[in-house]
Amino acid sequence: MNLSVFKGLYTKLRELRIKDVEIDMNNLPQHIGIIMDGNGRWAKRKGLARKAGHAAGAKTLQEIAEFCGDLGIKVLTAYAFSTENWRRPKEEVEALMKLLRNYMKNCLKRAAKNDMVVRVIGDKSGLDDDIRGKIEELEKATANNQGLNFQIAINYGSRDEIVRSIRKVLEDVKAGKLE
């Protein structure tokens, strides 16, 4: 489900909740995945800079995570930055990394407040040291929380996953763990 579709659903569910309309809690998904796509185009349509769209998407994602936790959904995965995103203009990538740094800081506070477990999945080795440090801090601080499991996919991609998996198998064969 892309972010704009989920945002519409999220808005509708918020309206329903405000009006005290009953939500069928027995018919909710256990895991929701969101592909963070279209925020830059959204901003452009509104006459804003692309980074404003990315910031708006991050804010919406925080609200969605809290709402999913409120509903009792077990897992939310946000596909936030793929390996292909590194090909964007340098200024945009830098703005996205700055947004990620700020998001990690804010996410730590929100995760504590909302009892969320936060994990970052994907290849973290391509990220700056300070970002990897913030990720480690966030994951450690939230590891024992009991609420929503919020996964943020960063630096992920199907080709990259296949290559890393093959390399891992080859290492295991070389180490004698596999034949």
Foldseek 3Di string as FASTA:
>chain_A
DELVVVLVVVVVVVVCVVVVNDDPLVPDAQEEEYEDPDLQVVQVVVVHHSLVSLLVSLVSVLVVQLVCQVSQRAEYEYARAELVNVPPPPVVVVSVLVSLLVSLVVVLVSCVVSLEQEAEDEDCPPPDPVSVVSRVVSNVSNVPGDTHHYYYYHHHDPVVVVVVVVVVVVVCVVVVVDD
